[in-house]
C-alpha atoms as a PDB file:
ATOM      1  CA  LYS A   1      90.481  91.608 120.500  1.00  0.00           C
ATOM      2  CA  HIS A   2      87.048  89.401 120.298  1.00  0.00           C
ATOM      3  CA  GLY A   3      86.082  91.606 117.180  1.00  0.00           C
ATOM      4  CA  ARG A   4      89.101  91.181 115.436  1.00  0.00           C
ATOM      5  CA  VAL A   5      88.900  87.756 116.052  1.00  0.00           C
ATOM      6  CA  ALA A   6      85.380  87.343 114.754  1.00  0.00           C
ATOM      7  CA  MET A   7      86.053  89.006 111.744  1.00  0.00           C
ATOM      8  CA  ALA A   8      88.852  87.236 110.848  1.00  0.00           C
ATOM      9  CA  ALA A   9      86.536  84.031 111.135  1.00  0.00           C
ATOM     10  CA  PHE A  10      84.073  85.412 108.924  1.00  0.00           C
ATOM     11  CA  VAL A  11      86.520  85.914 105.961  1.00  0.00           C
ATOM     12  CA  GLY A  12      87.799  82.639 106.686  1.00  0.00           C
ATOM     13  CA  PHE A  13      84.555  81.120 106.914  1.00  0.00           C
ATOM     14  CA  CYS A  14      83.617  82.944 103.515  1.00  0.00           C
ATOM     15  CA  VAL A  15      87.115  82.289 101.695  1.00  0.00           C
ATOM     16  CA  GLN A  16      86.706  78.222 102.657  1.00  0.00           C
ATOM     17  CA  SER A  17      83.062  78.050 101.708  1.00  0.00           C
ATOM     18  CA  ASN A  18      83.750  79.847  98.137  1.00  0.00           C
ATOM     19  CA  GLY A  19      86.603  76.579  98.028  1.00  0.00           C
ATOM     20  CA  ILE A  20      89.049  79.012  97.953  1.00  0.00           C
ATOM     21  CA  HIS A  21      92.948  77.708  99.063  1.00  0.00           C
ATOM     22  CA  PHE A  22      96.336  78.178  98.581  1.00  0.00           C
ATOM     23  CA  PRO A  23      97.977  76.079  95.910  1.00  0.00           C
ATOM     24  CA  TRP A  24     100.772  74.297  98.143  1.00  0.00           C
ATOM     25  CA  ASP A  25     101.040  71.493 100.293  1.00  0.00           C
ATOM     26  CA  ILE A  26     101.306  71.643 103.779  1.00  0.00           C
ATOM     27  CA  LYS A  27     102.681  68.262 104.906  1.00  0.00           C
ATOM     28  CA  GLY A  28     105.096  66.250 101.927  1.00  0.00           C
ATOM     29  CA  GLY A  29     105.120  67.931  98.798  1.00  0.00           C
ATOM     30  CA  ILE A  30     108.263  68.045  96.486  1.00  0.00           C
ATOM     31  CA  LEU A  31     110.552  67.516  98.479  1.00  0.00           C
ATOM     32  CA  GLY A  32     108.724  65.312 100.924  1.00  0.00           C
ATOM     33  CA  ASP A  33     106.996  61.572 100.518  1.00  0.00           C
ATOM     34  CA  ALA A  34     104.052  61.849  98.192  1.00  0.00           C
ATOM     35  CA  ALA A  35     102.017  58.960 100.483  1.00  0.00           C
ATOM     36  CA  THR A  36     101.787  61.160 103.403  1.00  0.00           C
ATOM     37  CA  ALA A  37     101.403  64.593 101.431  1.00  0.00           C
ATOM     38  CA  LEU A  38      98.564  66.998 102.837  1.00  0.00           C
ATOM     39  CA  SER A  39      97.625  69.750 100.749  1.00  0.00           C
ATOM     40  CA  TYR A  40      95.674  73.188 101.706  1.00  0.00           C
ATOM     41  CA  GLY A  41      93.111  71.824  98.944  1.00  0.00           C
ATOM     42  CA  ASP A  42      92.867  68.318 100.823  1.00  0.00           C
ATOM     43  CA  LEU A  43      92.033  70.043 103.872  1.00  0.00           C
ATOM     44  CA  SER A  44      89.385  72.558 102.293  1.00  0.00           C
ATOM     45  CA  ALA A  45      87.908  69.178 100.702  1.00  0.00           C
ATOM     46  CA  ILE A  46      87.075  68.065 104.487  1.00  0.00           C
ATOM     47  CA  PRO A  47      83.300  69.425 104.958  1.00  0.00           C
ATOM     48  CA  ALA A  48      83.416  69.482 108.931  1.00  0.00           C
ATOM     49  CA  PRO A  49      85.777  72.122 110.801  1.00  0.00           C
ATOM     50  CA  VAL A  50      86.450  69.893 113.534  1.00  0.00           C
ATOM     51  CA  ASP A  51      87.169  67.269 111.111  1.00  0.00           C
ATOM     52  CA  GLN A  52      89.899  69.801 109.359  1.00  0.00           C
ATOM     53  CA  TRP A  53      91.359  71.041 112.621  1.00  0.00           C
ATOM     54  CA  ALA A  54      91.887  67.318 113.377  1.00  0.00           C
ATOM     55  CA  ALA A  55      93.631  66.958 110.247  1.00  0.00           C
ATOM     56  CA  VAL A  56      96.477  69.623 110.223  1.00  0.00           C
ATOM     57  CA  PRO A  57      99.447  68.248 111.349  1.00  0.00           C
ATOM     58  CA  THR A  58     100.463  68.203 115.110  1.00  0.00           C
ATOM     59  CA  ALA A  59     103.168  71.222 114.491  1.00  0.00           C
ATOM     60  CA  GLY A  60     101.180  73.068 112.206  1.00  0.00           C
ATOM     61  CA  LYS A  61      98.576  73.079 115.133  1.00  0.00           C
ATOM     62  CA  LEU A  62     101.815  74.144 117.678  1.00  0.00           C
ATOM     63  CA  GLN A  63     102.716  76.776 115.387  1.00  0.00           C
ATOM     64  CA  ILE A  64      99.056  78.368 114.918  1.00  0.00           C
ATOM     65  CA  LEU A  65      98.717  78.186 118.480  1.00  0.00           C
ATOM     66  CA  GLY A  66     102.072  79.615 119.753  1.00  0.00           C
ATOM     67  CA  THR A  67     101.628  82.495 117.598  1.00  0.00           C
ATOM     68  CA  ILE A  68      98.388  83.400 119.344  1.00  0.00           C
ATOM     69  CA  ALA A  69     100.094  83.060 122.375  1.00  0.00           C
ATOM     70  CA  VAL A  70     103.115  85.714 121.356  1.00  0.00           C
ATOM     71  CA  LEU A  71     100.391  87.941 119.948  1.00  0.00           C
ATOM     72  CA  GLU A  72      98.312  87.567 123.250  1.00  0.00           C
ATOM     73  CA  PHE A  73     101.375  88.048 125.659  1.00  0.00           C
ATOM     74  CA  VAL A  74     102.184  91.410 123.549  1.00  0.00           C
ATOM     75  CA  GLY A  75      98.899  92.632 123.885  1.00  0.00           C
ATOM     76  CA  GLU A  76      98.352  91.814 127.451  1.00  0.00           C
ATOM     77  CA  THR A  77     101.747  93.149 128.802  1.00  0.00           C
ATOM     78  CA  MET A  78     101.483  96.670 127.000  1.00  0.00           C
ATOM     79  CA  GLU A  79     101.485  99.633 128.882  1.00  0.00           C
ATOM     80  CA  PRO A  80      99.203 101.010 129.649  1.00  0.00           C
ATOM     81  CA  HIS A  81      96.992  98.188 129.325  1.00  0.00           C
ATOM     82  CA  TYR A  82      93.613  98.796 127.425  1.00  0.00           C
ATOM     83  CA  MET A  83      91.813  97.917 130.626  1.00  0.00           C
ATOM     84  CA  ARG A  84      93.495 100.891 132.781  1.00  0.00           C
ATOM     85  CA  GLY A  85      93.913 103.989 130.395  1.00  0.00           C
ATOM     86  CA  GLY A  86      95.281 102.424 127.395  1.00  0.00           C
ATOM     87  CA  LYS A  87      93.432 103.379 124.002  1.00  0.00           C
ATOM     88  CA  PRO A  88      90.541 100.565 122.964  1.00  0.00           C
ATOM     89  CA  GLY A  89      91.529  99.062 119.860  1.00  0.00           C
ATOM     90  CA  PHE A  90      94.892  99.955 119.908  1.00  0.00           C
ATOM     91  CA  TYR A  91      97.527  97.181 119.186  1.00  0.00           C
ATOM     92  CA  PRO A  92     101.205  98.249 120.137  1.00  0.00           C
ATOM     93  CA  SER A  93     104.211  97.766 117.354  1.00  0.00           C
ATOM     94  CA  LEU A  94     105.353  94.397 117.367  1.00  0.00           C
ATOM     95  CA  LYS A  95     108.915  95.828 116.215  1.00  0.00           C
ATOM     96  CA  ASP A  96     109.037  97.458 119.602  1.00  0.00           C
ATOM     97  CA  ALA A  97     107.972  94.431 121.823  1.00  0.00           C
ATOM     98  CA  ALA A  98     111.111  92.546 119.752  1.00  0.00           C
ATOM     99  CA  GLY A  99     114.311  92.155 120.801  1.00  0.00           C
ATOM    100  CA  GLY A 100     115.466  95.765 119.471  1.00  0.00           C
ATOM    101  CA  GLY A 101     112.568  97.414 121.570  1.00  0.00           C
ATOM    102  CA  LYS A 102     111.188  96.796 125.211  1.00  0.00           C
ATOM    103  CA  GLY A 103     112.594  92.490 124.179  1.00  0.00           C
ATOM    104  CA  ASN A 104     109.338  90.755 125.470  1.00  0.00           C
ATOM    105  CA  ILE A 105     109.426  88.757 122.203  1.00  0.00           C
ATOM    106  CA  PRO A 106     112.786  87.324 121.506  1.00  0.00           C
ATOM    107  CA  HIS A 107     112.810  87.383 117.825  1.00  0.00           C
ATOM    108  CA  PRO A 108     112.942  90.173 115.729  1.00  0.00           C
ATOM    109  CA  VAL A 109     109.577  90.618 113.847  1.00  0.00           C
ATOM    110  CA  PRO A 110     110.024  92.703 110.506  1.00  0.00           C
ATOM    111  CA  LEU A 111     106.108  93.698 110.039  1.00  0.00           C
ATOM    112  CA  ASP A 112     103.551  95.137 112.458  1.00  0.00           C
ATOM    113  CA  LEU A 113     100.141  93.923 112.579  1.00  0.00           C
ATOM    114  CA  TYR A 114      99.127  97.317 111.866  1.00  0.00           C
ATOM    115  CA  ASP A 115     100.427  99.477 108.831  1.00  0.00           C
ATOM    116  CA  PRO A 116     103.222  96.919 107.941  1.00  0.00           C
ATOM    117  CA  PHE A 117     104.293  98.642 105.274  1.00  0.00           C
ATOM    118  CA  GLY A 118     104.243 102.291 106.666  1.00  0.00           C
ATOM    119  CA  PHE A 119     101.083 103.661 104.681  1.00  0.00           C
ATOM    120  CA  PHE A 120      99.585 105.219 107.676  1.00  0.00           C
ATOM    121  CA  GLU A 121     102.236 107.071 109.843  1.00  0.00           C
ATOM    122  CA  GLY A 122     101.187 110.197 108.674  1.00  0.00           C
ATOM    123  CA  ASP A 123      97.694 109.991 109.788  1.00  0.00           C
ATOM    124  CA  SER A 124      96.325 112.197 112.601  1.00  0.00           C
ATOM    125  CA  GLU A 125      95.471 110.919 115.926  1.00  0.00           C
ATOM    126  CA  GLU A 126      91.670 111.821 115.283  1.00  0.00           C
ATOM    127  CA  LYS A 127      91.575 109.925 112.351  1.00  0.00           C
ATOM    128  CA  LYS A 128      93.031 106.906 113.659  1.00  0.00           C
ATOM    129  CA  ALA A 129      90.767 107.155 116.458  1.00  0.00           C
ATOM    130  CA  ARG A 130      87.831 107.039 113.941  1.00  0.00           C
ATOM    131  CA  GLY A 131      89.397 104.105 112.402  1.00  0.00           C
ATOM    132  CA  ARG A 132      89.947 102.329 115.940  1.00  0.00           C
ATOM    133  CA  ASN A 133      86.108 102.858 116.687  1.00  0.00           C
ATOM    134  CA  VAL A 134      84.959 101.689 113.535  1.00  0.00           C
ATOM    135  CA  GLU A 135      86.624  98.466 113.844  1.00  0.00           C
ATOM    136  CA  ILE A 136      85.398  98.402 117.371  1.00  0.00           C
ATOM    137  CA  ASN A 137      81.864  98.728 115.464  1.00  0.00           C
ATOM    138  CA  ASN A 138      82.399  96.092 113.155  1.00  0.00           C
ATOM    139  CA  GLY A 139      84.182  93.680 115.301  1.00  0.00           C
ATOM    140  CA  SER A 140      80.967  93.808 117.670  1.00  0.00           C
ATOM    141  CA  THR A 141      78.737  93.045 114.492  1.00  0.00           C
ATOM    142  CA  SER A 142      81.012  90.215 113.350  1.00  0.00           C
ATOM    143  CA  THR A 143      80.863  88.842 117.373  1.00  0.00           C
ATOM    144  CA  ALA A 144      77.255  88.991 117.204  1.00  0.00           C
ATOM    145  CA  ALA A 145      76.685  87.392 113.845  1.00  0.00           C
ATOM    146  CA  SER A 146      78.861  84.607 114.296  1.00  0.00           C
ATOM    147  CA  GLY A 147      77.457  83.917 117.732  1.00  0.00           C
END
């Protein structure tokens, strides 16, 4: 789990360092007040990550933290837990955790984190296990590199 976060952080650092950002506004925009508008470009122009986080509106911070909380809840309530006999590197289906499945999430979720479009549904268990091991190894490397 921490390896996935480290890999996402590394990709985010590379993207941000190269000046790549979404072209639209976070706050304000076409329908909002132009005086208080805040675009992704404005955020990427701020040099320090801590200052960038401080510039994100409170509603945006709450959305980010709320999403992380839901993902943590789903991952930690799956059975069997990865620390008690579950598969390391496996993340449960968000569709199953939504209202139509086990009911842990009250809102329907249209896509899963892993294989959202079903491209790998026919893969063998051996291939999936190898992929999880590769992901764990890459995550460990990213964690060591970012530390």
